[in-house]
Protein backbone atom coordinates (compact mmCIF):
# COMPACT_ATOMS: atom_id res chain seq x y z
CA MET A 1 -21.45 50.56 -2.36
CA ASN A 2 -21.64 46.99 -3.43
CA ARG A 3 -24.43 44.87 -2.05
CA LEU A 4 -22.19 43.23 0.06
CA THR A 5 -20.28 46.24 1.71
CA ARG A 6 -24.05 47.24 2.54
CA LEU A 7 -24.99 44.28 4.21
CA ALA A 8 -22.29 44.46 7.04
CA ALA A 9 -22.64 48.11 7.31
CA SER A 10 -26.65 47.02 7.98
CA CYS A 11 -25.05 44.19 10.28
CA ALA A 12 -22.72 46.03 11.83
CA ALA A 13 -25.21 49.33 12.60
CA MET A 14 -27.67 46.71 13.68
CA TRP A 15 -25.47 44.65 16.68
CA GLY A 16 -24.54 48.38 17.55
CA PHE A 17 -27.78 49.50 18.26
CA LEU A 18 -28.32 46.42 20.29
CA ALA A 19 -24.81 46.85 22.15
CA ALA A 20 -25.36 50.94 22.93
CA ALA A 21 -29.14 50.99 23.63
CA PRO A 22 -29.51 51.99 27.44
CA PRO A 23 -30.96 49.80 30.03
CA SER A 24 -34.57 50.84 31.04
CA GLY A 25 -35.09 52.46 34.46
CA ALA A 26 -37.65 50.99 36.95
CA GLN A 27 -39.59 52.04 40.91
CA GLY A 28 -40.18 48.37 41.58
CA PRO A 29 -36.95 46.07 42.88
CA LEU A 30 -34.38 44.63 40.06
CA VAL A 31 -34.55 41.13 38.92
CA THR A 32 -31.54 40.13 37.16
CA ALA A 33 -30.20 37.71 35.03
CA SER A 34 -33.60 35.77 35.01
CA GLY A 35 -34.98 34.27 31.90
CA PRO A 36 -33.40 31.89 29.38
CA GLU A 37 -29.61 33.63 28.12
CA ILE A 38 -29.83 35.26 24.95
CA GLU A 39 -26.66 36.55 22.88
CA ALA A 40 -26.75 37.88 19.66
CA HIS A 41 -23.48 36.96 17.08
CA GLY A 42 -21.83 38.88 14.25
CA GLY A 43 -19.07 38.37 12.41
CA PHE A 44 -17.28 37.08 8.87
CA GLU A 45 -18.22 34.27 6.74
CA PHE A 46 -15.88 32.19 3.62
CA LEU A 47 -17.77 29.93 2.25
CA GLY A 48 -16.49 27.18 -0.72
CA GLN A 49 -19.72 26.90 -3.06
CA GLN A 50 -19.69 23.43 -5.00
CA VAL A 51 -20.44 24.71 -8.54
CA PRO A 52 -22.41 21.03 -9.56
CA GLY A 53 -20.79 19.92 -12.67
CA ALA A 54 -17.35 23.03 -12.07
CA SER A 55 -14.84 23.36 -9.65
CA SER A 56 -15.27 25.35 -6.07
CA VAL A 57 -15.56 29.19 -5.19
CA PRO A 58 -14.12 30.94 -2.38
CA MET A 59 -17.07 33.54 -1.41
CA TYR A 60 -16.78 35.84 1.68
CA GLY A 61 -19.85 37.06 3.27
CA VAL A 62 -21.43 37.95 6.68
CA ASP A 63 -22.95 35.97 9.53
CA SER A 64 -25.12 37.13 12.39
CA GLY A 65 -27.72 35.83 14.73
CA LEU A 66 -29.24 35.25 17.77
CA THR A 67 -28.69 32.32 20.22
CA VAL A 68 -30.70 31.60 23.26
CA GLY A 69 -30.10 29.12 25.91
CA VAL A 70 -32.31 26.67 26.57
CA PHE A 71 -30.47 25.15 29.15
CA ARG A 72 -26.53 25.13 30.40
CA HIS A 73 -25.33 22.53 28.01
CA LEU A 74 -28.34 22.84 25.64
CA GLY A 75 -29.43 26.27 23.40
CA VAL A 76 -31.24 27.00 20.14
CA ARG A 77 -30.00 29.25 17.75
CA LEU A 78 -30.83 31.57 14.43
CA ASP A 79 -28.91 32.11 11.99
CA LEU A 80 -28.72 34.38 9.09
CA GLY A 81 -25.52 34.60 6.05
CA TYR A 82 -25.02 36.01 2.52
CA ALA A 83 -21.46 35.27 0.66
CA ARG A 84 -20.95 36.80 -2.10
CA ALA A 85 -17.86 35.59 -5.20
CA ASN A 86 -17.44 38.89 -8.40
CA ASN A 87 -16.94 37.14 -12.11
CA VAL A 88 -17.77 33.51 -11.25
CA PHE A 89 -15.32 31.43 -14.10
CA ASP A 90 -14.85 34.59 -16.07
CA SER A 91 -18.62 34.80 -17.14
CA GLY A 92 -19.30 38.23 -15.67
CA HIS A 93 -21.78 36.91 -13.92
CA HIS A 94 -21.45 36.94 -9.86
CA SER A 95 -22.75 34.08 -7.32
CA ASP A 96 -23.95 34.63 -4.14
CA ILE A 97 -25.55 32.00 -1.14
CA LEU A 98 -28.16 33.78 0.68
CA SER A 99 -28.79 31.14 4.14
CA TYR A 100 -30.92 31.69 7.41
CA MET A 101 -31.45 28.50 9.41
CA ALA A 102 -32.16 27.74 12.33
CA GLY A 103 -31.73 25.12 15.35
CA PRO A 104 -30.26 22.80 18.12
CA VAL A 105 -26.93 24.13 19.59
CA PHE A 106 -25.09 21.59 22.56
CA TYR A 107 -22.24 23.39 24.66
CA PRO A 108 -20.84 19.36 26.17
CA VAL A 109 -18.59 21.21 28.36
CA ARG A 110 -19.19 24.94 29.74
CA LYS A 111 -15.91 26.64 31.30
CA ARG A 112 -15.36 30.01 32.47
CA HIS A 113 -13.53 31.60 28.94
CA VAL A 114 -13.63 27.78 26.64
CA SER A 115 -16.74 26.47 25.24
CA PRO A 116 -16.31 23.72 22.49
CA TYR A 117 -20.00 23.24 20.68
CA GLY A 118 -22.05 21.21 18.05
CA GLU A 119 -25.24 23.05 16.18
CA LEU A 120 -27.78 21.50 13.33
CA LEU A 121 -29.10 24.03 11.10
CA LEU A 122 -32.38 23.48 9.25
CA GLY A 123 -33.82 25.86 7.10
CA GLY A 124 -33.18 26.95 3.22
CA ALA A 125 -30.96 28.98 0.78
CA ARG A 126 -31.50 31.26 -1.90
CA VAL A 127 -28.07 30.27 -4.13
CA THR A 128 -27.22 33.06 -7.11
CA GLY A 129 -24.74 31.72 -9.90
CA ALA A 130 -23.09 30.44 -12.89
CA THR A 131 -22.66 26.89 -13.86
CA PRO A 132 -21.13 26.04 -16.89
CA ASP A 133 -23.51 24.51 -19.78
CA GLY A 134 -20.36 23.25 -21.38
CA GLN A 135 -20.79 24.26 -24.71
CA GLY A 136 -18.83 27.85 -23.67
CA GLY A 137 -22.15 28.98 -21.65
CA PHE A 138 -23.38 29.84 -18.43
CA ILE A 139 -26.92 28.48 -16.94
CA ARG A 140 -28.19 31.65 -14.85
CA GLY A 141 -31.30 31.88 -12.16
CA TYR A 142 -31.91 31.47 -8.67
CA ALA A 143 -33.01 28.75 -6.59
CA ASN A 144 -34.43 29.09 -3.21
CA GLN A 145 -34.11 25.22 -1.68
CA PHE A 146 -34.63 23.63 1.71
CA ALA A 147 -31.10 23.77 3.32
CA TRP A 148 -29.39 22.76 6.56
CA ALA A 149 -25.54 22.73 8.67
CA GLY A 150 -24.09 21.12 10.68
CA GLY A 151 -20.78 21.41 12.38
CA GLY A 152 -19.17 22.81 15.45
CA GLY A 153 -16.46 25.02 16.44
CA VAL A 154 -15.70 26.50 19.74
CA GLU A 155 -15.92 29.60 21.54
CA LEU A 156 -13.55 31.99 23.14
CA ARG A 157 -15.09 33.98 26.56
CA PRO A 158 -12.26 36.73 27.34
CA ALA A 159 -14.73 39.19 29.48
CA ARG A 160 -18.77 38.12 31.21
CA GLU A 161 -20.76 39.72 27.82
CA PHE A 162 -18.08 38.57 25.41
CA ALA A 163 -17.00 36.53 23.34
CA VAL A 164 -15.01 35.30 19.59
CA ARG A 165 -17.14 32.60 17.69
CA ILE A 166 -14.64 29.96 15.48
CA GLY A 167 -16.55 27.51 13.70
CA ALA A 168 -17.07 25.68 10.75
CA ASP A 169 -20.06 23.28 8.89
CA TYR A 170 -21.07 21.93 6.27
CA MET A 171 -24.07 23.44 4.29
CA ARG A 172 -26.70 21.60 2.21
CA THR A 173 -27.98 23.67 -1.07
CA LYS A 174 -29.12 23.50 -4.03
CA TYR A 175 -28.17 24.40 -7.41
CA PHE A 176 -28.68 24.00 -11.09
CA ASP A 177 -26.38 21.22 -12.93
CA PRO A 178 -25.79 21.77 -16.47
CA ASN A 179 -28.89 19.68 -17.28
CA LEU A 180 -30.86 22.14 -15.76
CA GLY A 181 -31.67 20.26 -12.65
CA LEU A 182 -31.35 20.55 -8.85
CA ALA A 183 -28.14 19.83 -7.61
CA GLY A 184 -27.31 19.12 -4.22
CA GLN A 185 -24.03 21.65 -2.72
CA GLY A 186 -22.23 20.25 -0.10
CA ASN A 187 -20.40 23.43 0.79
CA LEU A 188 -18.00 23.96 3.31
CA ARG A 189 -18.49 27.05 5.50
CA ALA A 190 -16.18 28.86 8.24
CA VAL A 191 -17.39 31.02 10.64
CA VAL A 192 -15.44 33.20 12.51
CA SER A 193 -18.22 35.88 15.11
CA PHE A 194 -18.81 38.45 17.76
CA THR A 195 -21.28 37.53 20.20
CA TYR A 196 -22.28 40.29 22.92
CA TYR A 197 -24.67 38.82 25.39
CA LEU A 198 -28.63 40.82 26.11
CA GLY A 199 -29.99 39.14 28.96
CA GLY A 200 -30.72 35.96 30.91
CA ARG A 201 -29.48 33.51 33.38
CA ARG A 202 -25.07 34.00 33.49
CA ARG A 203 -22.99 31.32 32.75
């Protein structure tokens, strides 16, 4: 079992545990739908990694996180993603991006079954890869640097407790160029996530 498969299985097990956890009992009066709305999401991501001085690399992986609703049209999202590509440029080496970001998410319109959104996430990304050095070799290593992502999408909600989120964003990371300097990467990312309502105010 490779690293990506293990990570996907771990995320699935974590969200399955949250979804299957029984509610706690209490002797006093029940208080429901109080506090900020909290949703957990987990799904898949496609990432077009821009390699400095070379062409882009298609990468596939998983995405998970939490969204806390501050107001009806504004929330805060924590996002953790991992994408990987094997045998980059026939080098025999892999490339991957582990991103960990958080930031505001804005819902301009909140409908019962369809809600578009926009988001801006800030944080970091650990990037590995194989950058062609122009002499037949490859530059290897890793860079753990500041990263950000901005974009949007739509949430499709067939039930009050579940939703499917389809989104795309531009994610900016850094990795080594052929001159061994850190260069910006303009990566395009597409995400399909399944969200589960954990508690708080209902929409």
